[in-house]
Amino acid sequence: MLKQRNADQSRFELLEAASHEIHQFGFHAASISRILENTSLTRGALYHHFPSKLELGYAVIDELFAGYMRQLWLEPLAKTGDPITIIENALHDTYSEHGEELINYGCPLNNLSQEMSAVNEGFRERINYQYEVWQNALMDALQRGQAEGVVKSEINAAEVSVFIVATIEGCIGLAKNDQSVATLDSCTNILLDYLRSLRVD
């Protein structure tokens, strides 16, 4: 049992270090040597868990990004009939904890989409899946809000869910390009005003 826990911890440590490296430099420029410098592990340990850099990149999405998505968005949205508040809280928590990183480096999932989706089908499929589960969670929560009389019945929940994801990613992308907190705040405030307009009066 202890051996398994140690192996699980080593795997997570490698994924965390790889995620930070890819976020800062992109997948192609990510360095295995720098990843290992940010862990207590050897190159042999890395290749024991991940046979190649590509497999490591895939696992960052499948395990780490998916875990963050589940914790920040999927689980809270699944438990509510008031998705507007959940979205506001998720954005507040994200920017409070990771605002500086997002402005410096952008959204890690969107960065990988821009860099890798056109050149590697494995990345494209994994990134597309994460966007789909995010959009579906938003759509389901909006429809639940409509059924409970919290969200306006006339909106198309599927279309709005795509718009929300696209706007969040666009706001972060613009803020990264501007290197500006003000850009992120301004864009996000407009999104929040729109979301509040979806509430039943």
N, C-alpha and C. Protein backbone atom coordinates (compact mmCIF):
# COMPACT_ATOMS: atom_id res chain seq x y z
N MET A 1 0.82 -1.20 0.00
CA MET A 1 0.00 0.00 0.00
C MET A 1 0.86 1.26 0.00
N LEU A 2 1.91 1.28 0.84
CA LEU A 2 2.80 2.43 0.90
C LEU A 2 3.50 2.63 -0.44
N LYS A 3 3.93 1.52 -1.06
CA LYS A 3 4.59 1.61 -2.36
C LYS A 3 3.66 2.22 -3.39
N GLN A 4 2.38 1.82 -3.36
CA GLN A 4 1.41 2.37 -4.31
C GLN A 4 1.20 3.86 -4.08
N ARG A 5 1.11 4.25 -2.80
CA ARG A 5 0.95 5.67 -2.49
C ARG A 5 2.14 6.47 -2.99
N ASN A 6 3.35 5.93 -2.80
CA ASN A 6 4.55 6.61 -3.26
C ASN A 6 4.57 6.74 -4.78
N ALA A 7 4.13 5.68 -5.46
CA ALA A 7 4.07 5.72 -6.93
C ALA A 7 3.05 6.74 -7.39
N ASP A 8 1.90 6.78 -6.73
CA ASP A 8 0.86 7.75 -7.09
C ASP A 8 1.35 9.17 -6.86
N GLN A 9 2.06 9.39 -5.74
CA GLN A 9 2.59 10.72 -5.44
C GLN A 9 3.64 11.13 -6.46
N SER A 10 4.50 10.19 -6.85
CA SER A 10 5.52 10.49 -7.86
C SER A 10 4.87 10.88 -9.19
N ARG A 11 3.83 10.14 -9.56
CA ARG A 11 3.13 10.44 -10.81
C ARG A 11 2.52 11.84 -10.76
N PHE A 12 1.88 12.16 -9.65
CA PHE A 12 1.25 13.47 -9.52
C PHE A 12 2.30 14.57 -9.52
N GLU A 13 3.44 14.34 -8.87
CA GLU A 13 4.50 15.34 -8.84
C GLU A 13 5.02 15.63 -10.24
N LEU A 14 5.16 14.59 -11.04
CA LEU A 14 5.60 14.75 -12.42
C LEU A 14 4.56 15.51 -13.26
N LEU A 15 3.30 15.17 -13.06
CA LEU A 15 2.24 15.86 -13.81
C LEU A 15 2.18 17.33 -13.45
N GLU A 16 2.30 17.65 -12.17
CA GLU A 16 2.28 19.05 -11.73
C GLU A 16 3.44 19.82 -12.36
N ALA A 17 4.63 19.24 -12.31
CA ALA A 17 5.80 19.92 -12.87
C ALA A 17 5.67 20.07 -14.38
N ALA A 18 5.17 19.04 -15.04
CA ALA A 18 4.98 19.11 -16.49
C ALA A 18 3.93 20.15 -16.86
N SER A 19 2.87 20.21 -16.08
CA SER A 19 1.82 21.19 -16.35
C SER A 19 2.36 22.62 -16.28
N HIS A 20 3.14 22.92 -15.25
CA HIS A 20 3.72 24.26 -15.12
C HIS A 20 4.69 24.55 -16.26
N GLU A 21 5.47 23.56 -16.63
CA GLU A 21 6.44 23.73 -17.72
C GLU A 21 5.72 24.00 -19.05
N ILE A 22 4.71 23.20 -19.34
CA ILE A 22 3.96 23.37 -20.59
C ILE A 22 3.22 24.70 -20.60
N HIS A 23 2.66 25.07 -19.46
CA HIS A 23 1.94 26.34 -19.37
C HIS A 23 2.86 27.51 -19.69
N GLN A 24 4.07 27.44 -19.19
CA GLN A 24 5.00 28.56 -19.36
C GLN A 24 5.65 28.58 -20.74
N PHE A 25 5.99 27.40 -21.27
CA PHE A 25 6.80 27.36 -22.49
C PHE A 25 6.09 26.75 -23.70
N GLY A 26 4.91 26.12 -23.48
CA GLY A 26 4.27 25.39 -24.56
C GLY A 26 4.79 23.95 -24.60
N PHE A 27 4.05 23.09 -25.29
CA PHE A 27 4.43 21.67 -25.30
C PHE A 27 5.73 21.44 -26.06
N HIS A 28 5.85 22.00 -27.25
CA HIS A 28 7.04 21.72 -28.05
C HIS A 28 8.32 22.17 -27.36
N ALA A 29 8.27 23.32 -26.69
CA ALA A 29 9.46 23.85 -26.04
C ALA A 29 9.65 23.33 -24.62
N ALA A 30 8.69 22.56 -24.13
CA ALA A 30 8.81 22.03 -22.77
C ALA A 30 10.03 21.13 -22.66
N SER A 31 10.76 21.28 -21.58
CA SER A 31 12.02 20.56 -21.38
C SER A 31 11.87 19.50 -20.29
N ILE A 32 12.18 18.26 -20.64
CA ILE A 32 12.17 17.19 -19.66
C ILE A 32 13.15 17.49 -18.53
N SER A 33 14.29 18.05 -18.86
CA SER A 33 15.29 18.37 -17.83
C SER A 33 14.75 19.39 -16.84
N ARG A 34 14.08 20.42 -17.34
CA ARG A 34 13.52 21.43 -16.43
C ARG A 34 12.38 20.82 -15.60
N ILE A 35 11.58 19.96 -16.21
CA ILE A 35 10.51 19.30 -15.46
C ILE A 35 11.11 18.53 -14.29
N LEU A 36 12.16 17.78 -14.54
CA LEU A 36 12.77 16.98 -13.48
C LEU A 36 13.44 17.86 -12.42
N GLU A 37 13.98 19.00 -12.84
CA GLU A 37 14.59 19.92 -11.86
C GLU A 37 13.57 20.42 -10.84
N ASN A 38 12.31 20.41 -11.23
CA ASN A 38 11.24 20.88 -10.33
C ASN A 38 10.56 19.74 -9.58
N THR A 39 11.18 18.58 -9.59
CA THR A 39 10.70 17.44 -8.82
C THR A 39 11.88 16.86 -8.04
N SER A 40 11.58 15.83 -7.26
CA SER A 40 12.64 15.11 -6.54
C SER A 40 12.93 13.79 -7.24
N LEU A 41 12.58 13.68 -8.53
CA LEU A 41 12.59 12.40 -9.22
C LEU A 41 13.64 12.34 -10.32
N THR A 42 13.92 11.13 -10.77
CA THR A 42 14.92 10.90 -11.79
C THR A 42 14.27 10.74 -13.16
N ARG A 43 15.09 10.79 -14.19
CA ARG A 43 14.60 10.57 -15.55
C ARG A 43 14.02 9.16 -15.67
N GLY A 44 14.64 8.20 -14.99
CA GLY A 44 14.12 6.84 -15.03
C GLY A 44 12.74 6.74 -14.42
N ALA A 45 12.51 7.48 -13.34
CA ALA A 45 11.18 7.49 -12.72
C ALA A 45 10.15 8.08 -13.66
N LEU A 46 10.54 9.16 -14.36
CA LEU A 46 9.61 9.78 -15.30
C LEU A 46 9.21 8.78 -16.39
N TYR A 47 10.20 8.12 -16.99
CA TYR A 47 9.89 7.21 -18.08
C TYR A 47 9.23 5.92 -17.60
N HIS A 48 9.34 5.63 -16.32
CA HIS A 48 8.57 4.51 -15.75
C HIS A 48 7.08 4.82 -15.82
N HIS A 49 6.71 6.06 -15.52
CA HIS A 49 5.31 6.45 -15.52
C HIS A 49 4.82 6.86 -16.91
N PHE A 50 5.72 7.50 -17.68
CA PHE A 50 5.31 8.06 -18.97
C PHE A 50 6.38 7.68 -20.00
N PRO A 51 6.07 6.77 -20.91
CA PRO A 51 7.08 6.27 -21.85
C PRO A 51 7.66 7.33 -22.78
N SER A 52 6.96 8.44 -22.96
CA SER A 52 7.44 9.47 -23.88
C SER A 52 6.92 10.83 -23.42
N LYS A 53 7.52 11.87 -23.96
CA LYS A 53 7.04 13.23 -23.68
C LYS A 53 5.60 13.40 -24.14
N LEU A 54 5.25 12.78 -25.27
CA LEU A 54 3.88 12.86 -25.77
C LEU A 54 2.89 12.26 -24.78
N GLU A 55 3.22 11.08 -24.24
CA GLU A 55 2.33 10.45 -23.26
C GLU A 55 2.21 11.30 -22.00
N LEU A 56 3.28 11.96 -21.63
CA LEU A 56 3.24 12.88 -20.48
C LEU A 56 2.29 14.04 -20.77
N GLY A 57 2.38 14.60 -21.96
CA GLY A 57 1.47 15.69 -22.34
C GLY A 57 0.02 15.26 -22.34
N TYR A 58 -0.24 14.08 -22.87
CA TYR A 58 -1.61 13.56 -22.86
C TYR A 58 -2.12 13.41 -21.42
N ALA A 59 -1.27 12.89 -20.55
CA ALA A 59 -1.69 12.64 -19.17
C ALA A 59 -1.95 13.94 -18.42
N VAL A 60 -1.22 14.99 -18.75
CA VAL A 60 -1.49 16.29 -18.13
C VAL A 60 -2.94 16.70 -18.39
N ILE A 61 -3.42 16.48 -19.61
CA ILE A 61 -4.81 16.81 -19.94
C ILE A 61 -5.77 15.82 -19.29
N ASP A 62 -5.52 14.52 -19.49
CA ASP A 62 -6.46 13.48 -19.05
C ASP A 62 -6.60 13.42 -17.54
N GLU A 63 -5.53 13.70 -16.82
CA GLU A 63 -5.55 13.54 -15.37
C GLU A 63 -5.58 14.88 -14.63
N LEU A 64 -4.65 15.77 -14.95
CA LEU A 64 -4.55 17.01 -14.18
C LEU A 64 -5.61 18.02 -14.60
N PHE A 65 -5.67 18.33 -15.90
CA PHE A 65 -6.66 19.30 -16.36
C PHE A 65 -8.07 18.80 -16.09
N ALA A 66 -8.30 17.51 -16.32
CA ALA A 66 -9.63 16.94 -16.08
C ALA A 66 -10.00 17.04 -14.61
N GLY A 67 -9.03 16.85 -13.72
CA GLY A 67 -9.29 16.98 -12.29
C GLY A 67 -9.66 18.39 -11.89
N TYR A 68 -8.93 19.37 -12.44
CA TYR A 68 -9.25 20.77 -12.16
C TYR A 68 -10.64 21.13 -12.70
N MET A 69 -10.93 20.65 -13.91
CA MET A 69 -12.24 20.91 -14.51
C MET A 69 -13.36 20.34 -13.64
N ARG A 70 -13.15 19.14 -13.17
CA ARG A 70 -14.17 18.49 -12.33
C ARG A 70 -14.38 19.25 -11.03
N GLN A 71 -13.29 19.65 -10.39
CA GLN A 71 -13.38 20.32 -9.10
C GLN A 71 -13.96 21.73 -9.22
N LEU A 72 -13.52 22.47 -10.22
CA LEU A 72 -13.91 23.88 -10.34
C LEU A 72 -15.28 24.06 -10.98
N TRP A 73 -15.60 23.23 -11.98
CA TRP A 73 -16.81 23.45 -12.75
C TRP A 73 -17.84 22.32 -12.65
N LEU A 74 -17.41 21.09 -12.93
CA LEU A 74 -18.40 20.02 -13.11
C LEU A 74 -19.16 19.70 -11.83
N GLU A 75 -18.45 19.51 -10.73
CA GLU A 75 -19.11 19.13 -9.48
C GLU A 75 -20.00 20.26 -8.94
N PRO A 76 -19.53 21.52 -8.89
CA PRO A 76 -20.42 22.58 -8.41
C PRO A 76 -21.64 22.77 -9.31
N LEU A 77 -21.47 22.71 -10.62
CA LEU A 77 -22.60 22.90 -11.52
C LEU A 77 -23.62 21.78 -11.41
N ALA A 78 -23.15 20.58 -11.10
CA ALA A 78 -24.06 19.43 -11.00
C ALA A 78 -24.95 19.49 -9.78
N LYS A 79 -24.59 20.32 -8.82
CA LYS A 79 -25.31 20.36 -7.54
C LYS A 79 -26.23 21.56 -7.40
N THR A 80 -26.43 22.31 -8.47
CA THR A 80 -27.14 23.59 -8.29
C THR A 80 -28.26 23.78 -9.29
N GLY A 81 -29.24 24.55 -8.89
CA GLY A 81 -30.25 25.07 -9.79
C GLY A 81 -30.03 26.54 -10.07
N ASP A 82 -28.92 27.09 -9.56
CA ASP A 82 -28.58 28.49 -9.74
C ASP A 82 -27.19 28.59 -10.39
N PRO A 83 -27.10 28.27 -11.68
CA PRO A 83 -25.79 28.23 -12.33
C PRO A 83 -25.10 29.59 -12.41
N ILE A 84 -25.87 30.67 -12.41
CA ILE A 84 -25.25 32.00 -12.52
C ILE A 84 -24.31 32.25 -11.35
N THR A 85 -24.77 31.92 -10.14
CA THR A 85 -23.93 32.10 -8.96
C THR A 85 -22.70 31.21 -9.01
N ILE A 86 -22.87 29.97 -9.46
CA ILE A 86 -21.74 29.04 -9.56
C ILE A 86 -20.70 29.56 -10.53
N ILE A 87 -21.13 30.08 -11.67
CA ILE A 87 -20.19 30.61 -12.65
C ILE A 87 -19.45 31.81 -12.07
N GLU A 88 -20.17 32.72 -11.42
CA GLU A 88 -19.52 33.87 -10.78
C GLU A 88 -18.48 33.41 -9.77
N ASN A 89 -18.84 32.43 -8.94
CA ASN A 89 -17.92 31.95 -7.92
C ASN A 89 -16.69 31.28 -8.54
N ALA A 90 -16.91 30.51 -9.59
CA ALA A 90 -15.79 29.82 -10.25
C ALA A 90 -14.81 30.82 -10.85
N LEU A 91 -15.33 31.86 -11.48
CA LEU A 91 -14.45 32.87 -12.05
C LEU A 91 -13.71 33.63 -10.96
N HIS A 92 -14.42 33.96 -9.89
CA HIS A 92 -13.77 34.66 -8.77
C HIS A 92 -12.66 33.81 -8.18
N ASP A 93 -12.94 32.53 -7.95
CA ASP A 93 -11.92 31.63 -7.37
C ASP A 93 -10.73 31.47 -8.30
N THR A 94 -11.01 31.30 -9.59
CA THR A 94 -9.93 31.12 -10.56
C THR A 94 -9.02 32.34 -10.62
N TYR A 95 -9.62 33.52 -10.70
CA TYR A 95 -8.80 34.72 -10.84
C TYR A 95 -8.09 35.06 -9.54
N SER A 96 -8.72 34.75 -8.40
CA SER A 96 -8.08 35.00 -7.11
C SER A 96 -6.83 34.13 -6.93
N GLU A 97 -6.94 32.86 -7.34
CA GLU A 97 -5.85 31.91 -7.13
C GLU A 97 -4.83 31.93 -8.25
N HIS A 98 -5.28 32.18 -9.50
CA HIS A 98 -4.39 31.99 -10.65
C HIS A 98 -4.36 33.19 -11.59
N GLY A 99 -4.87 34.34 -11.14
CA GLY A 99 -4.96 35.49 -12.03
C GLY A 99 -3.63 35.91 -12.63
N GLU A 100 -2.60 35.94 -11.80
CA GLU A 100 -1.29 36.37 -12.30
C GLU A 100 -0.76 35.40 -13.36
N GLU A 101 -0.92 34.10 -13.10
CA GLU A 101 -0.49 33.09 -14.08
C GLU A 101 -1.26 33.23 -15.39
N LEU A 102 -2.57 33.45 -15.29
CA LEU A 102 -3.39 33.55 -16.50
C LEU A 102 -3.00 34.76 -17.32
N ILE A 103 -2.71 35.87 -16.67
CA ILE A 103 -2.31 37.07 -17.40
C ILE A 103 -0.92 36.89 -18.00
N ASN A 104 -0.03 36.26 -17.27
CA ASN A 104 1.33 36.04 -17.79
C ASN A 104 1.37 35.03 -18.92
N TYR A 105 0.62 33.93 -18.75
CA TYR A 105 0.78 32.79 -19.67
C TYR A 105 -0.50 32.36 -20.38
N GLY A 106 -1.67 32.88 -19.99
CA GLY A 106 -2.92 32.48 -20.62
C GLY A 106 -3.53 31.23 -20.00
N CYS A 107 -4.61 30.77 -20.60
CA CYS A 107 -5.27 29.54 -20.15
C CYS A 107 -4.50 28.34 -20.68
N PRO A 108 -4.09 27.42 -19.83
CA PRO A 108 -3.27 26.30 -20.32
C PRO A 108 -3.99 25.42 -21.34
N LEU A 109 -5.29 25.22 -21.16
CA LEU A 109 -6.03 24.39 -22.12
C LEU A 109 -6.13 25.09 -23.47
N ASN A 110 -6.44 26.37 -23.46
CA ASN A 110 -6.54 27.11 -24.71
C ASN A 110 -5.18 27.24 -25.40
N ASN A 111 -4.12 27.42 -24.60
CA ASN A 111 -2.78 27.47 -25.18
C ASN A 111 -2.47 26.19 -25.95
N LEU A 112 -2.78 25.05 -25.33
CA LEU A 112 -2.52 23.78 -26.00
C LEU A 112 -3.39 23.61 -27.23
N SER A 113 -4.62 24.10 -27.15
CA SER A 113 -5.49 24.04 -28.32
C SER A 113 -4.87 24.80 -29.49
N GLN A 114 -4.38 26.00 -29.21
CA GLN A 114 -3.78 26.81 -30.27
C GLN A 114 -2.50 26.18 -30.82
N GLU A 115 -1.72 25.59 -29.93
CA GLU A 115 -0.42 25.04 -30.34
C GLU A 115 -0.54 23.68 -30.99
N MET A 116 -1.41 22.80 -30.46
CA MET A 116 -1.32 21.38 -30.80
C MET A 116 -2.49 20.80 -31.58
N SER A 117 -3.65 21.42 -31.53
CA SER A 117 -4.83 20.78 -32.13
C SER A 117 -4.69 20.56 -33.63
N ALA A 118 -4.02 21.45 -34.32
CA ALA A 118 -3.88 21.32 -35.76
C ALA A 118 -2.78 20.34 -36.17
N VAL A 119 -1.94 19.95 -35.23
CA VAL A 119 -0.78 19.13 -35.60
C VAL A 119 -0.77 17.76 -34.94
N ASN A 120 -1.65 17.53 -33.96
CA ASN A 120 -1.65 16.24 -33.26
C ASN A 120 -3.08 15.88 -32.89
N GLU A 121 -3.59 14.82 -33.47
CA GLU A 121 -4.98 14.44 -33.25
C GLU A 121 -5.24 14.00 -31.82
N GLY A 122 -4.25 13.39 -31.18
CA GLY A 122 -4.41 12.98 -29.79
C GLY A 122 -4.66 14.17 -28.88
N PHE A 123 -3.91 15.24 -29.09
CA PHE A 123 -4.15 16.45 -28.32
C PHE A 123 -5.51 17.05 -28.66
N ARG A 124 -5.82 17.12 -29.96
CA ARG A 124 -7.08 17.74 -30.37
C ARG A 124 -8.27 17.04 -29.74
N GLU A 125 -8.27 15.70 -29.76
CA GLU A 125 -9.39 14.95 -29.20
C GLU A 125 -9.52 15.17 -27.70
N ARG A 126 -8.41 15.18 -27.01
CA ARG A 126 -8.44 15.36 -25.55
C ARG A 126 -8.91 16.77 -25.17
N ILE A 127 -8.40 17.76 -25.87
CA ILE A 127 -8.80 19.14 -25.58
C ILE A 127 -10.28 19.33 -25.92
N ASN A 128 -10.70 18.80 -27.06
CA ASN A 128 -12.10 18.90 -27.45
C ASN A 128 -13.01 18.26 -26.41
N TYR A 129 -12.58 17.13 -25.85
CA TYR A 129 -13.39 16.46 -24.84
C TYR A 129 -13.55 17.33 -23.59
N GLN A 130 -12.48 17.98 -23.16
CA GLN A 130 -12.56 18.84 -21.99
C GLN A 130 -13.50 20.02 -22.23
N TYR A 131 -13.43 20.60 -23.42
CA TYR A 131 -14.36 21.68 -23.73
C TYR A 131 -15.80 21.18 -23.78
N GLU A 132 -16.01 19.99 -24.32
CA GLU A 132 -17.36 19.44 -24.41
C GLU A 132 -17.96 19.17 -23.04
N VAL A 133 -17.18 18.59 -22.14
CA VAL A 133 -17.74 18.29 -20.81
C VAL A 133 -18.02 19.59 -20.05
N TRP A 134 -17.20 20.60 -20.26
CA TRP A 134 -17.44 21.91 -19.64
C TRP A 134 -18.74 22.52 -20.17
N GLN A 135 -18.86 22.55 -21.50
CA GLN A 135 -20.07 23.10 -22.11
C GLN A 135 -21.32 22.32 -21.71
N ASN A 136 -21.23 21.00 -21.67
CA ASN A 136 -22.39 20.18 -21.30
C ASN A 136 -22.79 20.42 -19.85
N ALA A 137 -21.80 20.59 -18.97
CA ALA A 137 -22.11 20.86 -17.57
C ALA A 137 -22.83 22.20 -17.42
N LEU A 138 -22.36 23.20 -18.17
CA LEU A 138 -23.03 24.50 -18.16
C LEU A 138 -24.45 24.39 -18.72
N MET A 139 -24.59 23.68 -19.83
CA MET A 139 -25.91 23.52 -20.45
C MET A 139 -26.88 22.83 -19.51
N ASP A 140 -26.44 21.74 -18.89
CA ASP A 140 -27.32 21.00 -17.96
C ASP A 140 -27.74 21.89 -16.79
N ALA A 141 -26.79 22.66 -16.26
CA ALA A 141 -27.10 23.53 -15.12
C ALA A 141 -28.06 24.65 -15.53
N LEU A 142 -27.87 25.21 -16.71
CA LEU A 142 -28.78 26.24 -17.19
C LEU A 142 -30.19 25.68 -17.40
N GLN A 143 -30.27 24.48 -17.95
CA GLN A 143 -31.58 23.86 -18.15
C GLN A 143 -32.26 23.54 -16.82
N ARG A 144 -31.47 23.13 -15.84
CA ARG A 144 -32.02 22.89 -14.51
C ARG A 144 -32.51 24.20 -13.90
N GLY A 145 -31.74 25.27 -14.13
CA GLY A 145 -32.17 26.58 -13.66
C GLY A 145 -33.46 27.03 -14.32
N GLN A 146 -33.61 26.72 -15.59
CA GLN A 146 -34.86 27.04 -16.28
C GLN A 146 -36.03 26.26 -15.67
N ALA A 147 -35.82 24.98 -15.42
CA ALA A 147 -36.88 24.14 -14.85
C ALA A 147 -37.29 24.62 -13.46
N GLU A 148 -36.34 25.21 -12.72
CA GLU A 148 -36.63 25.67 -11.37
C GLU A 148 -37.05 27.14 -11.32
N GLY A 149 -37.16 27.76 -12.50
CA GLY A 149 -37.63 29.14 -12.56
C GLY A 149 -36.60 30.18 -12.17
N VAL A 150 -35.33 29.81 -12.21
CA VAL A 150 -34.25 30.74 -11.86
C VAL A 150 -33.67 31.40 -13.10
N VAL A 151 -33.60 30.65 -14.20
CA VAL A 151 -33.02 31.13 -15.45
C VAL A 151 -34.15 31.31 -16.47
N LYS A 152 -34.06 32.37 -17.27
CA LYS A 152 -35.10 32.67 -18.23
C LYS A 152 -35.34 31.50 -19.19
N SER A 153 -36.59 31.19 -19.41
CA SER A 153 -36.96 30.01 -20.20
C SER A 153 -36.68 30.20 -21.68
N GLU A 154 -36.59 31.44 -22.15
CA GLU A 154 -36.46 31.68 -23.58
C GLU A 154 -35.04 31.51 -24.11
N ILE A 155 -34.05 31.38 -23.24
CA ILE A 155 -32.69 31.24 -23.74
C ILE A 155 -32.46 29.82 -24.25
N ASN A 156 -31.53 29.69 -25.20
CA ASN A 156 -31.09 28.38 -25.68
C ASN A 156 -29.87 27.98 -24.85
N ALA A 157 -30.06 27.04 -23.94
CA ALA A 157 -29.00 26.70 -22.98
C ALA A 157 -27.75 26.16 -23.67
N ALA A 158 -27.92 25.41 -24.74
CA ALA A 158 -26.77 24.84 -25.45
C ALA A 158 -25.93 25.96 -26.08
N GLU A 159 -26.61 26.91 -26.73
CA GLU A 159 -25.88 28.01 -27.36
C GLU A 159 -25.22 28.91 -26.32
N VAL A 160 -25.92 29.19 -25.24
CA VAL A 160 -25.35 30.04 -24.19
C VAL A 160 -24.12 29.39 -23.55
N SER A 161 -24.16 28.08 -23.38
CA SER A 161 -23.02 27.39 -22.76
C SER A 161 -21.76 27.52 -23.62
N VAL A 162 -21.92 27.42 -24.94
CA VAL A 162 -20.78 27.61 -25.84
C VAL A 162 -20.28 29.05 -25.75
N PHE A 163 -21.21 29.99 -25.72
CA PHE A 163 -20.85 31.41 -25.62
C PHE A 163 -20.08 31.70 -24.34
N ILE A 164 -20.50 31.11 -23.23
CA ILE A 164 -19.82 31.35 -21.95
C ILE A 164 -18.38 30.86 -22.01
N VAL A 165 -18.19 29.64 -22.49
CA VAL A 165 -16.83 29.09 -22.56
C VAL A 165 -15.97 29.93 -23.50
N ALA A 166 -16.52 30.28 -24.67
CA ALA A 166 -15.76 31.07 -25.64
C ALA A 166 -15.39 32.43 -25.06
N THR A 167 -16.30 33.04 -24.32
CA THR A 167 -16.03 34.36 -23.75
C THR A 167 -14.98 34.30 -22.65
N ILE A 168 -15.09 33.31 -21.78
CA ILE A 168 -14.07 33.15 -20.73
C ILE A 168 -12.69 32.98 -21.35
N GLU A 169 -12.60 32.09 -22.33
CA GLU A 169 -11.30 31.84 -22.96
C GLU A 169 -10.81 33.08 -23.72
N GLY A 170 -11.75 33.79 -24.35
CA GLY A 170 -11.37 35.00 -25.07
C GLY A 170 -10.89 36.10 -24.14
N CYS A 171 -11.56 36.26 -23.00
CA CYS A 171 -11.14 37.27 -22.02
C CYS A 171 -9.73 36.99 -21.53
N ILE A 172 -9.46 35.73 -21.23
CA ILE A 172 -8.11 35.38 -20.74
C ILE A 172 -7.08 35.59 -21.84
N GLY A 173 -7.43 35.23 -23.07
CA GLY A 173 -6.51 35.42 -24.19
C GLY A 173 -6.17 36.88 -24.43
N LEU A 174 -7.18 37.75 -24.37
CA LEU A 174 -6.93 39.17 -24.54
C LEU A 174 -6.07 39.73 -23.41
N ALA A 175 -6.37 39.30 -22.18
CA ALA A 175 -5.59 39.78 -21.04
C ALA A 175 -4.15 39.32 -21.12
N LYS A 176 -3.93 38.10 -21.59
CA LYS A 176 -2.56 37.61 -21.79
C LYS A 176 -1.83 38.47 -22.82
N ASN A 177 -2.49 38.75 -23.94
CA ASN A 177 -1.85 39.53 -24.99
C ASN A 177 -1.55 40.95 -24.50
N ASP A 178 -2.48 41.53 -23.72
CA ASP A 178 -2.26 42.87 -23.17
C ASP A 178 -1.37 42.88 -21.94
N GLN A 179 -1.21 41.68 -21.31
CA GLN A 179 -0.55 41.59 -20.01
C GLN A 179 -1.22 42.57 -19.05
N SER A 180 -2.56 42.46 -18.97
CA SER A 180 -3.32 43.49 -18.28
C SER A 180 -4.42 42.91 -17.40
N VAL A 181 -4.35 43.22 -16.11
CA VAL A 181 -5.44 42.88 -15.19
C VAL A 181 -6.70 43.63 -15.58
N ALA A 182 -6.55 44.88 -16.00
CA ALA A 182 -7.71 45.70 -16.35
C ALA A 182 -8.49 45.09 -17.51
N THR A 183 -7.79 44.54 -18.49
CA THR A 183 -8.47 43.89 -19.61
C THR A 183 -9.26 42.69 -19.15
N LEU A 184 -8.66 41.88 -18.29
CA LEU A 184 -9.36 40.70 -17.77
C LEU A 184 -10.58 41.11 -16.97
N ASP A 185 -10.43 42.11 -16.11
CA ASP A 185 -11.55 42.56 -15.27
C ASP A 185 -12.68 43.14 -16.12
N SER A 186 -12.33 43.97 -17.08
CA SER A 186 -13.34 44.62 -17.92
C SER A 186 -14.13 43.60 -18.72
N CYS A 187 -13.42 42.68 -19.35
CA CYS A 187 -14.08 41.67 -20.18
C CYS A 187 -14.95 40.76 -19.31
N THR A 188 -14.44 40.36 -18.17
CA THR A 188 -15.18 39.46 -17.29
C THR A 188 -16.42 40.15 -16.72
N ASN A 189 -16.31 41.43 -16.39
CA ASN A 189 -17.47 42.16 -15.86
C ASN A 189 -18.61 42.22 -16.87
N ILE A 190 -18.26 42.38 -18.15
CA ILE A 190 -19.29 42.38 -19.19
C ILE A 190 -19.97 41.01 -19.27
N LEU A 191 -19.17 39.95 -19.18
CA LEU A 191 -19.75 38.60 -19.17
C LEU A 191 -20.67 38.41 -17.98
N LEU A 192 -20.24 38.87 -16.81
CA LEU A 192 -21.07 38.71 -15.62
C LEU A 192 -22.37 39.50 -15.73
N ASP A 193 -22.30 40.69 -16.32
CA ASP A 193 -23.53 41.46 -16.54
C ASP A 193 -24.49 40.69 -17.44
N TYR A 194 -23.95 40.08 -18.48
CA TYR A 194 -24.78 39.28 -19.38
C TYR A 194 -25.41 38.10 -18.62
N LEU A 195 -24.60 37.41 -17.83
CA LEU A 195 -25.11 36.25 -17.10
C LEU A 195 -26.22 36.66 -16.13
N ARG A 196 -26.04 37.78 -15.45
CA ARG A 196 -27.08 38.23 -14.51
C ARG A 196 -28.37 38.59 -15.24
N SER A 197 -28.25 38.99 -16.51
CA SER A 197 -29.45 39.31 -17.29
C SER A 197 -30.26 38.06 -17.63
N LEU A 198 -29.66 36.89 -17.44
CA LEU A 198 -30.36 35.64 -17.71
C LEU A 198 -31.25 35.20 -16.54
N ARG A 199 -31.11 35.85 -15.40
CA ARG A 199 -31.94 35.50 -14.25
C ARG A 199 -33.40 35.93 -14.47
N VAL A 200 -34.28 35.13 -13.94
CA VAL A 200 -35.68 35.53 -13.92
C VAL A 200 -35.84 36.65 -12.91
N ASP A 201 -36.51 37.75 -13.31
CA ASP A 201 -36.67 38.89 -12.41
C ASP A 201 -37.62 38.55 -11.27
